[in-house]
PDB file of N, CA and C in Angstrom:
ATOM      1  N   MET A   1     104.578 100.179 112.957  1.00  0.00           N
ATOM      2  CA  MET A   1     104.730  98.953 113.705  1.00  0.00           C
ATOM      3  C   MET A   1     104.483  99.176 115.192  1.00  0.00           C
ATOM      4  N   GLU A   2     104.598 100.422 115.648  1.00  0.00           N
ATOM      5  CA  GLU A   2     104.332 100.715 117.051  1.00  0.00           C
ATOM      6  C   GLU A   2     102.899 100.348 117.428  1.00  0.00           C
ATOM      7  N   LEU A   3     101.963 100.632 116.518  1.00  0.00           N
ATOM      8  CA  LEU A   3     100.569 100.301 116.778  1.00  0.00           C
ATOM      9  C   LEU A   3     100.397  98.793 116.958  1.00  0.00           C
ATOM     10  N   ALA A   4     101.022  98.021 116.090  1.00  0.00           N
ATOM     11  CA  ALA A   4     100.918  96.559 116.181  1.00  0.00           C
ATOM     12  C   ALA A   4     101.465  96.073 117.526  1.00  0.00           C
ATOM     13  N   LYS A   5     102.594  96.615 117.953  1.00  0.00           N
ATOM     14  CA  LYS A   5     103.162  96.214 119.245  1.00  0.00           C
ATOM     15  C   LYS A   5     102.222  96.579 120.390  1.00  0.00           C
ATOM     16  N   GLU A   6     101.633  97.771 120.322  1.00  0.00           N
ATOM     17  CA  GLU A   6     100.708  98.197 121.365  1.00  0.00           C
ATOM     18  C   GLU A   6      99.481  97.281 121.409  1.00  0.00           C
ATOM     19  N   LEU A   7      99.001  96.885 120.244  1.00  0.00           N
ATOM     20  CA  LEU A   7      97.815  96.035 120.198  1.00  0.00           C
ATOM     21  C   LEU A   7      98.109  94.612 120.674  1.00  0.00           C
ATOM     22  N   TYR A   8      99.308  94.143 120.465  1.00  0.00           N
ATOM     23  CA  TYR A   8      99.680  92.834 121.035  1.00  0.00           C
ATOM     24  C   TYR A   8      99.580  92.888 122.563  1.00  0.00           C
ATOM     25  N   THR A   9     100.042  93.981 123.143  1.00  0.00           N
ATOM     26  CA  THR A   9      99.970  94.136 124.596  1.00  0.00           C
ATOM     27  C   THR A   9      98.528  94.237 125.065  1.00  0.00           C
ATOM     28  N   LEU A  10      97.739  95.089 124.406  1.00  0.00           N
ATOM     29  CA  LEU A  10      96.343  95.263 124.810  1.00  0.00           C
ATOM     30  C   LEU A  10      95.537  93.980 124.676  1.00  0.00           C
ATOM     31  N   THR A  11      95.722  93.265 123.576  1.00  0.00           N
ATOM     32  CA  THR A  11      94.924  92.060 123.352  1.00  0.00           C
ATOM     33  C   THR A  11      95.360  90.901 124.255  1.00  0.00           C
ATOM     34  N   SER A  12      96.532  91.003 124.834  1.00  0.00           N
ATOM     35  CA  SER A  12      96.945  89.947 125.768  1.00  0.00           C
ATOM     36  C   SER A  12      96.051  89.936 127.005  1.00  0.00           C
ATOM     37  N   LYS A  13      95.303  91.015 127.211  1.00  0.00           N
ATOM     38  CA  LYS A  13      94.378  91.111 128.346  1.00  0.00           C
ATOM     39  C   LYS A  13      92.979  90.608 127.993  1.00  0.00           C
ATOM     40  N   PHE A  14      92.746  90.283 126.722  1.00  0.00           N
ATOM     41  CA  PHE A  14      91.447  89.758 126.313  1.00  0.00           C
ATOM     42  C   PHE A  14      91.266  88.360 126.902  1.00  0.00           C
ATOM     43  N   PRO A  15      90.028  87.913 127.023  1.00  0.00           N
ATOM     44  CA  PRO A  15      89.795  86.563 127.568  1.00  0.00           C
ATOM     45  C   PRO A  15      90.478  85.484 126.723  1.00  0.00           C
ATOM     46  N   PRO A  16      90.956  84.430 127.365  1.00  0.00           N
ATOM     47  CA  PRO A  16      91.587  83.331 126.621  1.00  0.00           C
ATOM     48  C   PRO A  16      90.680  82.749 125.533  1.00  0.00           C
ATOM     49  N   SER A  17      89.384  82.828 125.728  1.00  0.00           N
ATOM     50  CA  SER A  17      88.448  82.301 124.724  1.00  0.00           C
ATOM     51  C   SER A  17      88.528  83.064 123.408  1.00  0.00           C
ATOM     52  N   GLU A  18      89.148  84.248 123.421  1.00  0.00           N
ATOM     53  CA  GLU A  18      89.286  85.059 122.205  1.00  0.00           C
ATOM     54  C   GLU A  18      90.620  84.846 121.487  1.00  0.00           C
ATOM     55  N   ASN A  19      91.468  83.967 122.002  1.00  0.00           N
ATOM     56  CA  ASN A  19      92.783  83.778 121.392  1.00  0.00           C
ATOM     57  C   ASN A  19      92.719  83.464 119.906  1.00  0.00           C
ATOM     58  N   PHE A  20      91.732  82.693 119.496  1.00  0.00           N
ATOM     59  CA  PHE A  20      91.616  82.327 118.085  1.00  0.00           C
ATOM     60  C   PHE A  20      90.502  83.110 117.398  1.00  0.00           C
ATOM     61  N   GLY A  21      89.953  84.100 118.094  1.00  0.00           N
ATOM     62  CA  GLY A  21      88.890  84.931 117.542  1.00  0.00           C
ATOM     63  C   GLY A  21      89.363  86.358 117.379  1.00  0.00           C
ATOM     64  N   LEU A  22      88.792  87.231 118.164  1.00  0.00           N
ATOM     65  CA  LEU A  22      89.046  88.658 118.036  1.00  0.00           C
ATOM     66  C   LEU A  22      90.506  89.021 118.280  1.00  0.00           C
ATOM     67  N   THR A  23      91.134  88.389 119.247  1.00  0.00           N
ATOM     68  CA  THR A  23      92.553  88.672 119.510  1.00  0.00           C
ATOM     69  C   THR A  23      93.386  88.413 118.261  1.00  0.00           C
ATOM     70  N   ASN A  24      93.194  87.262 117.659  1.00  0.00           N
ATOM     71  CA  ASN A  24      93.934  86.902 116.453  1.00  0.00           C
ATOM     72  C   ASN A  24      93.618  87.856 115.303  1.00  0.00           C
ATOM     73  N   GLN A  25      92.358  88.195 115.124  1.00  0.00           N
ATOM     74  CA  GLN A  25      91.962  89.081 114.025  1.00  0.00           C
ATOM     75  C   GLN A  25      92.584  90.463 114.181  1.00  0.00           C
ATOM     76  N   ILE A  26      92.553  90.994 115.385  1.00  0.00           N
ATOM     77  CA  ILE A  26      93.138  92.320 115.635  1.00  0.00           C
ATOM     78  C   ILE A  26      94.632  92.298 115.364  1.00  0.00           C
ATOM     79  N   ARG A  27      95.300  91.286 115.856  1.00  0.00           N
ATOM     80  CA  ARG A  27      96.746  91.209 115.660  1.00  0.00           C
ATOM     81  C   ARG A  27      97.103  91.063 114.183  1.00  0.00           C
ATOM     82  N   ARG A  28      96.363  90.241 113.476  1.00  0.00           N
ATOM     83  CA  ARG A  28      96.646  90.046 112.046  1.00  0.00           C
ATOM     84  C   ARG A  28      96.420  91.335 111.257  1.00  0.00           C
ATOM     85  N   ALA A  29      95.327  92.031 111.540  1.00  0.00           N
ATOM     86  CA  ALA A  29      95.043  93.283 110.826  1.00  0.00           C
ATOM     87  C   ALA A  29      96.104  94.332 111.155  1.00  0.00           C
ATOM     88  N   ALA A  30      96.505  94.406 112.430  1.00  0.00           N
ATOM     89  CA  ALA A  30      97.510  95.392 112.843  1.00  0.00           C
ATOM     90  C   ALA A  30      98.859  95.136 112.181  1.00  0.00           C
ATOM     91  N   VAL A  31      99.230  93.886 112.035  1.00  0.00           N
ATOM     92  CA  VAL A  31     100.492  93.537 111.374  1.00  0.00           C
ATOM     93  C   VAL A  31     100.383  93.724 109.859  1.00  0.00           C
ATOM     94  N   SER A  32      99.200  93.512 109.327  1.00  0.00           N
ATOM     95  CA  SER A  32      98.983  93.614 107.886  1.00  0.00           C
ATOM     96  C   SER A  32      99.216  95.032 107.352  1.00  0.00           C
ATOM     97  N   ILE A  33      98.902  96.033 108.145  1.00  0.00           N
ATOM     98  CA  ILE A  33      99.041  97.419 107.667  1.00  0.00           C
ATOM     99  C   ILE A  33     100.499  97.734 107.313  1.00  0.00           C
ATOM    100  N   PRO A  34     101.446  97.663 108.257  1.00  0.00           N
ATOM    101  CA  PRO A  34     102.829  97.976 107.874  1.00  0.00           C
ATOM    102  C   PRO A  34     103.426  96.946 106.918  1.00  0.00           C
ATOM    103  N   SER A  35     102.965  95.699 106.987  1.00  0.00           N
ATOM    104  CA  SER A  35     103.494  94.672 106.090  1.00  0.00           C
ATOM    105  C   SER A  35     103.149  94.982 104.639  1.00  0.00           C
ATOM    106  N   ASN A  36     101.922  95.416 104.391  1.00  0.00           N
ATOM    107  CA  ASN A  36     101.532  95.751 103.023  1.00  0.00           C
ATOM    108  C   ASN A  36     102.242  96.995 102.519  1.00  0.00           C
ATOM    109  N   ILE A  37     102.457  97.959 103.400  1.00  0.00           N
ATOM    110  CA  ILE A  37     103.213  99.149 103.002  1.00  0.00           C
ATOM    111  C   ILE A  37     104.632  98.752 102.611  1.00  0.00           C
ATOM    112  N   ALA A  38     105.255  97.922 103.424  1.00  0.00           N
ATOM    113  CA  ALA A  38     106.622  97.481 103.138  1.00  0.00           C
ATOM    114  C   ALA A  38     106.687  96.670 101.851  1.00  0.00           C
ATOM    115  N   GLU A  39     105.753  95.752 101.671  1.00  0.00           N
ATOM    116  CA  GLU A  39     105.767  94.948 100.456  1.00  0.00           C
ATOM    117  C   GLU A  39     105.546  95.810  99.226  1.00  0.00           C
ATOM    118  N   GLY A  40     104.611  96.739  99.318  1.00  0.00           N
ATOM    119  CA  GLY A  40     104.349  97.622  98.183  1.00  0.00           C
ATOM    120  C   GLY A  40     105.547  98.476  97.831  1.00  0.00           C
ATOM    121  N   GLN A  41     106.256  98.940  98.846  1.00  0.00           N
ATOM    122  CA  GLN A  41     107.432  99.766  98.602  1.00  0.00           C
ATOM    123  C   GLN A  41     108.528  98.978  97.888  1.00  0.00           C
ATOM    124  N   GLY A  42     108.542  97.680  98.113  1.00  0.00           N
ATOM    125  CA  GLY A  42     109.539  96.831  97.471  1.00  0.00           C
ATOM    126  C   GLY A  42     109.184  96.443  96.045  1.00  0.00           C
ATOM    127  N   ARG A  43     108.015  96.795  95.591  1.00  0.00           N
ATOM    128  CA  ARG A  43     107.587  96.455  94.228  1.00  0.00           C
ATOM    129  C   ARG A  43     108.217  97.395  93.217  1.00  0.00           C
ATOM    130  N   SER A  44     108.133  96.991  91.959  1.00  0.00           N
ATOM    131  CA  SER A  44     108.853  97.720  90.917  1.00  0.00           C
ATOM    132  C   SER A  44     108.078  98.867  90.290  1.00  0.00           C
ATOM    133  N   SER A  45     106.798  98.984  90.577  1.00  0.00           N
ATOM    134  CA  SER A  45     106.045 100.066  89.938  1.00  0.00           C
ATOM    135  C   SER A  45     105.188 100.806  90.947  1.00  0.00           C
ATOM    136  N   GLY A  46     104.916 102.055  90.599  1.00  0.00           N
ATOM    137  CA  GLY A  46     104.041 102.868  91.424  1.00  0.00           C
ATOM    138  C   GLY A  46     102.643 102.291  91.504  1.00  0.00           C
ATOM    139  N   LYS A  47     102.191 101.704  90.402  1.00  0.00           N
ATOM    140  CA  LYS A  47     100.852 101.112  90.384  1.00  0.00           C
ATOM    141  C   LYS A  47     100.746  99.987  91.405  1.00  0.00           C
ATOM    142  N   GLU A  48     101.773  99.142  91.472  1.00  0.00           N
ATOM    143  CA  GLU A  48     101.771  98.045  92.450  1.00  0.00           C
ATOM    144  C   GLU A  48     101.830  98.588  93.871  1.00  0.00           C
ATOM    145  N   PHE A  49     102.677  99.605  94.080  1.00  0.00           N
ATOM    146  CA  PHE A  49     102.795 100.193  95.409  1.00  0.00           C
ATOM    147  C   PHE A  49     101.443 100.753  95.841  1.00  0.00           C
ATOM    148  N   ARG A  50     100.781 101.458  94.951  1.00  0.00           N
ATOM    149  CA  ARG A  50      99.473 102.032  95.263  1.00  0.00           C
ATOM    150  C   ARG A  50      98.472 100.941  95.627  1.00  0.00           C
ATOM    151  N   GLN A  51      98.529  99.804  94.935  1.00  0.00           N
ATOM    152  CA  GLN A  51      97.626  98.687  95.235  1.00  0.00           C
ATOM    153  C   GLN A  51      97.865  98.154  96.652  1.00  0.00           C
ATOM    154  N   PHE A  52      99.120  98.020  97.042  1.00  0.00           N
ATOM    155  CA  PHE A  52      99.427  97.526  98.383  1.00  0.00           C
ATOM    156  C   PHE A  52      99.033  98.542  99.451  1.00  0.00           C
ATOM    157  N   LEU A  53      99.152  99.830  99.141  1.00  0.00           N
ATOM    158  CA  LEU A  53      98.675 100.843 100.076  1.00  0.00           C
ATOM    159  C   LEU A  53      97.164 100.725 100.251  1.00  0.00           C
ATOM    160  N   SER A  54      96.475 100.429  99.181  1.00  0.00           N
ATOM    161  CA  SER A  54      95.026 100.239  99.238  1.00  0.00           C
ATOM    162  C   SER A  54      94.673  99.041 100.118  1.00  0.00           C
ATOM    163  N   VAL A  55      95.420  97.967  99.995  1.00  0.00           N
ATOM    164  CA  VAL A  55      95.193  96.789 100.847  1.00  0.00           C
ATOM    165  C   VAL A  55      95.458  97.165 102.310  1.00  0.00           C
ATOM    166  N   GLY A  56      96.488  97.958 102.548  1.00  0.00           N
ATOM    167  CA  GLY A  56      96.774  98.426 103.900  1.00  0.00           C
ATOM    168  C   GLY A  56      95.628  99.237 104.477  1.00  0.00           C
ATOM    169  N   LEU A  57      95.018 100.083 103.637  1.00  0.00           N
ATOM    170  CA  LEU A  57      93.848 100.842 104.086  1.00  0.00           C
ATOM    171  C   LEU A  57      92.679  99.928 104.425  1.00  0.00           C
ATOM    172  N   GLY A  58      92.525  98.864 103.661  1.00  0.00           N
ATOM    173  CA  GLY A  58      91.479  97.888 103.962  1.00  0.00           C
ATOM    174  C   GLY A  58      91.713  97.229 105.307  1.00  0.00           C
ATOM    175  N   SER A  59      92.955  96.871 105.586  1.00  0.00           N
ATOM    176  CA  SER A  59      93.292  96.276 106.880  1.00  0.00           C
ATOM    177  C   SER A  59      93.058  97.265 108.012  1.00  0.00           C
ATOM    178  N   LEU A  60      93.345  98.530 107.743  1.00  0.00           N
ATOM    179  CA  LEU A  60      93.120  99.559 108.744  1.00  0.00           C
ATOM    180  C   LEU A  60      91.629  99.681 109.075  1.00  0.00           C
ATOM    181  N   ALA A  61      90.785  99.657 108.056  1.00  0.00           N
ATOM    182  CA  ALA A  61      89.334  99.726 108.276  1.00  0.00           C
ATOM    183  C   ALA A  61      88.840  98.503 109.050  1.00  0.00           C
ATOM    184  N   GLU A  62      89.387  97.354 108.711  1.00  0.00           N
ATOM    185  CA  GLU A  62      89.039  96.120 109.417  1.00  0.00           C
ATOM    186  C   GLU A  62      89.434  96.225 110.895  1.00  0.00           C
ATOM    187  N   LEU A  63      90.636  96.716 111.142  1.00  0.00           N
ATOM    188  CA  LEU A  63      91.128  96.876 112.508  1.00  0.00           C
ATOM    189  C   LEU A  63      90.257  97.859 113.286  1.00  0.00           C
ATOM    190  N   GLU A  64      89.887  98.944 112.661  1.00  0.00           N
ATOM    191  CA  GLU A  64      89.039  99.936 113.314  1.00  0.00           C
ATOM    192  C   GLU A  64      87.719  99.303 113.765  1.00  0.00           C
ATOM    193  N   THR A  65      87.115  98.523 112.902  1.00  0.00           N
ATOM    194  CA  THR A  65      85.863  97.833 113.225  1.00  0.00           C
ATOM    195  C   THR A  65      86.054  96.882 114.398  1.00  0.00           C
ATOM    196  N   GLN A  66      87.134  96.131 114.378  1.00  0.00           N
ATOM    197  CA  GLN A  66      87.400  95.161 115.443  1.00  0.00           C
ATOM    198  C   GLN A  66      87.643  95.846 116.780  1.00  0.00           C
ATOM    199  N   LEU A  67      88.301  96.991 116.755  1.00  0.00           N
ATOM    200  CA  LEU A  67      88.553  97.714 117.998  1.00  0.00           C
ATOM    201  C   LEU A  67      87.267  98.303 118.571  1.00  0.00           C
ATOM    202  N   ILE A  68      86.416  98.818 117.692  1.00  0.00           N
ATOM    203  CA  ILE A  68      85.127  99.341 118.155  1.00  0.00           C
ATOM    204  C   ILE A  68      84.293  98.214 118.752  1.00  0.00           C
ATOM    205  N   LEU A  69      84.287  97.065 118.100  1.00  0.00           N
ATOM    206  CA  LEU A  69      83.580  95.905 118.650  1.00  0.00           C
ATOM    207  C   LEU A  69      84.150  95.517 120.013  1.00  0.00           C
ATOM    208  N   SER A  70      85.463  95.567 120.129  1.00  0.00           N
ATOM    209  CA  SER A  70      86.110  95.230 121.405  1.00  0.00           C
ATOM    210  C   SER A  70      85.638  96.148 122.528  1.00  0.00           C
ATOM    211  N   LYS A  71      85.426  97.412 122.203  1.00  0.00           N
ATOM    212  CA  LYS A  71      84.886  98.323 123.210  1.00  0.00           C
ATOM    213  C   LYS A  71      83.427  97.989 123.506  1.00  0.00           C
ATOM    214  N   GLU A  72      82.669  97.687 122.474  1.00  0.00           N
ATOM    215  CA  GLU A  72      81.242  97.390 122.646  1.00  0.00           C
ATOM    216  C   GLU A  72      81.007  96.162 123.535  1.00  0.00           C
ATOM    217  N   ILE A  73      81.928  95.225 123.514  1.00  0.00           N
ATOM    218  CA  ILE A  73      81.773  94.027 124.346  1.00  0.00           C
ATOM    219  C   ILE A  73      82.668  94.088 125.591  1.00  0.00           C
ATOM    220  N   SER A  74      83.123  95.301 125.886  1.00  0.00           N
ATOM    221  CA  SER A  74      83.853  95.622 127.124  1.00  0.00           C
ATOM    222  C   SER A  74      85.221  94.959 127.249  1.00  0.00           C
ATOM    223  N   TYR A  75      85.871  94.679 126.129  1.00  0.00           N
ATOM    224  CA  TYR A  75      87.258  94.216 126.181  1.00  0.00           C
ATOM    225  C   TYR A  75      88.213  95.407 126.235  1.00  0.00           C
ATOM    226  N   LEU A  76      87.777  96.533 125.675  1.00  0.00           N
ATOM    227  CA  LEU A  76      88.535  97.778 125.730  1.00  0.00           C
ATOM    228  C   LEU A  76      87.659  98.835 126.379  1.00  0.00           C
ATOM    229  N   THR A  77      88.284  99.731 127.104  1.00  0.00           N
ATOM    230  CA  THR A  77      87.548 100.863 127.673  1.00  0.00           C
ATOM    231  C   THR A  77      87.527 101.995 126.645  1.00  0.00           C
ATOM    232  N   PRO A  78      86.594 102.934 126.788  1.00  0.00           N
ATOM    233  CA  PRO A  78      86.609 104.107 125.910  1.00  0.00           C
ATOM    234  C   PRO A  78      87.948 104.850 125.985  1.00  0.00           C
ATOM    235  N   GLU A  79      88.556 104.860 127.160  1.00  0.00           N
ATOM    236  CA  GLU A  79      89.850 105.538 127.331  1.00  0.00           C
ATOM    237  C   GLU A  79      90.973 104.815 126.588  1.00  0.00           C
ATOM    238  N   GLU A  80      90.858 103.520 126.420  1.00  0.00           N
ATOM    239  CA  GLU A  80      91.843 102.770 125.633  1.00  0.00           C
ATOM    240  C   GLU A  80      91.562 102.926 124.143  1.00  0.00           C
ATOM    241  N   LEU A  81      90.286 102.948 123.788  1.00  0.00           N
ATOM    242  CA  LEU A  81      89.908 103.001 122.371  1.00  0.00           C
ATOM    243  C   LEU A  81      90.216 104.347 121.723  1.00  0.00           C
ATOM    244  N   HIS A  82      89.917 105.433 122.394  1.00  0.00           N
ATOM    245  CA  HIS A  82      90.037 106.760 121.779  1.00  0.00           C
ATOM    246  C   HIS A  82      91.425 107.034 121.176  1.00  0.00           C
ATOM    247  N   PRO A  83      92.516 106.842 121.932  1.00  0.00           N
ATOM    248  CA  PRO A  83      93.831 107.100 121.318  1.00  0.00           C
ATOM    249  C   PRO A  83      94.147 106.152 120.159  1.00  0.00           C
ATOM    250  N   LEU A  84      93.614 104.941 120.210  1.00  0.00           N
ATOM    251  CA  LEU A  84      93.833 104.005 119.101  1.00  0.00           C
ATOM    252  C   LEU A  84      93.149 104.512 117.836  1.00  0.00           C
ATOM    253  N   LEU A  85      91.933 105.001 117.981  1.00  0.00           N
ATOM    254  CA  LEU A  85      91.216 105.530 116.813  1.00  0.00           C
ATOM    255  C   LEU A  85      91.899 106.782 116.274  1.00  0.00           C
ATOM    256  N   THR A  86      92.448 107.590 117.165  1.00  0.00           N
ATOM    257  CA  THR A  86      93.197 108.775 116.735  1.00  0.00           C
ATOM    258  C   THR A  86      94.430 108.352 115.941  1.00  0.00           C
ATOM    259  N   THR A  87      95.120 107.345 116.423  1.00  0.00           N
ATOM    260  CA  THR A  87      96.297 106.829 115.716  1.00  0.00           C
ATOM    261  C   THR A  87      95.910 106.252 114.357  1.00  0.00           C
ATOM    262  N   LEU A  88      94.809 105.508 114.312  1.00  0.00           N
ATOM    263  CA  LEU A  88      94.357 104.948 113.031  1.00  0.00           C
ATOM    264  C   LEU A  88      94.027 106.054 112.036  1.00  0.00           C
ATOM    265  N   ASP A  89      93.407 107.114 112.507  1.00  0.00           N
ATOM    266  CA  ASP A  89      93.075 108.232 111.616  1.00  0.00           C
ATOM    267  C   ASP A  89      94.344 108.881 111.073  1.00  0.00           C
ATOM    268  N   ARG A  90      95.347 109.033 111.926  1.00  0.00           N
ATOM    269  CA  ARG A  90      96.625 109.616 111.490  1.00  0.00           C
ATOM    270  C   ARG A  90      97.302 108.716 110.455  1.00  0.00           C
ATOM    271  N   ILE A  91      97.304 107.412 110.690  1.00  0.00           N
ATOM    272  CA  ILE A  91      97.903 106.466 109.746  1.00  0.00           C
ATOM    273  C   ILE A  91      97.135 106.477 108.430  1.00  0.00           C
ATOM    274  N   ARG A  92      95.805 106.527 108.492  1.00  0.00           N
ATOM    275  CA  ARG A  92      94.980 106.577 107.288  1.00  0.00           C
ATOM    276  C   ARG A  92      95.356 107.784 106.429  1.00  0.00           C
ATOM    277  N   LYS A  93      95.502 108.932 107.057  1.00  0.00           N
ATOM    278  CA  LYS A  93      95.872 110.156 106.334  1.00  0.00           C
ATOM    279  C   LYS A  93      97.255 110.029 105.704  1.00  0.00           C
ATOM    280  N   MET A  94      98.180 109.419 106.423  1.00  0.00           N
ATOM    281  CA  MET A  94      99.535 109.245 105.886  1.00  0.00           C
ATOM    282  C   MET A  94      99.529 108.309 104.674  1.00  0.00           C
ATOM    283  N   ILE A  95      98.787 107.215 104.763  1.00  0.00           N
ATOM    284  CA  ILE A  95      98.731 106.274 103.650  1.00  0.00           C
ATOM    285  C   ILE A  95      98.091 106.929 102.432  1.00  0.00           C
ATOM    286  N   LYS A  96      96.990 107.647 102.646  1.00  0.00           N
ATOM    287  CA  LYS A  96      96.332 108.329 101.517  1.00  0.00           C
ATOM    288  C   LYS A  96      97.244 109.374 100.900  1.00  0.00           C
ATOM    289  N   GLY A  97      97.970 110.094 101.734  1.00  0.00           N
ATOM    290  CA  GLY A  97      98.916 111.090 101.226  1.00  0.00           C
ATOM    291  C   GLY A  97     100.024 110.436 100.425  1.00  0.00           C
ATOM    292  N   GLN A  98     100.537 109.332 100.928  1.00  0.00           N
ATOM    293  CA  GLN A  98     101.580 108.603 100.204  1.00  0.00           C
ATOM    294  C   GLN A  98     101.068 108.112  98.878  1.00  0.00           C
ATOM    295  N   SER A  99      99.850 107.598  98.862  1.00  0.00           N
ATOM    296  CA  SER A  99      99.258 107.086  97.628  1.00  0.00           C
ATOM    297  C   SER A  99      99.108 108.178  96.580  1.00  0.00           C
ATOM    298  N   LYS A 100      98.685 109.352  97.007  1.00  0.00           N
ATOM    299  CA  LYS A 100      98.523 110.470  96.072  1.00  0.00           C
ATOM    300  C   LYS A 100      99.869 110.917  95.497  1.00  0.00           C
ATOM    301  N   GLY A 101     100.927 110.757  96.277  1.00  0.00           N
ATOM    302  CA  GLY A 101     102.237 111.213  95.845  1.00  0.00           C
ATOM    303  C   GLY A 101     102.988 110.243  94.944  1.00  0.00           C
ATOM    304  N   ILE A 102     102.434 109.082  94.692  1.00  0.00           N
ATOM    305  CA  ILE A 102     103.129 108.066  93.881  1.00  0.00           C
ATOM    306  C   ILE A 102     102.919 108.350  92.399  1.00  0.00           C
ATOM    307  N   LYS A 103     104.024 108.359  91.691  1.00  0.00           N
ATOM    308  CA  LYS A 103     103.959 108.516  90.239  1.00  0.00           C
ATOM    309  C   LYS A 103     103.764 107.136  89.613  1.00  0.00           C
ATOM    310  N   THR A 104     102.880 107.068  88.636  1.00  0.00           N
ATOM    311  CA  THR A 104     102.656 105.773  87.973  1.00  0.00           C
ATOM    312  C   THR A 104     103.450 105.673  86.693  1.00  0.00           C
TER     313      THR A 104
END
């Protein structure tokens, strides 16, 4: 959830014209990652949990694309983007590790 909070702060600096575009998409994807993990953990089977982790990975990939685009159109600097991508890679590894460890 720390990533989502950080992205809310960063996207608040985006142009107002992006409030219903890229800003909204980034925030939704960032919130979707921990939300899907939490929902999956609350499910009754490992198979369901694994499915929600997979959805979380999809949101992570979507977020990564949106952040790279944000840099390409100069909403984020390379110095802002790099640590975010590092964090996304760390989260991706954790989700994949968790998924492998789930018994079905």
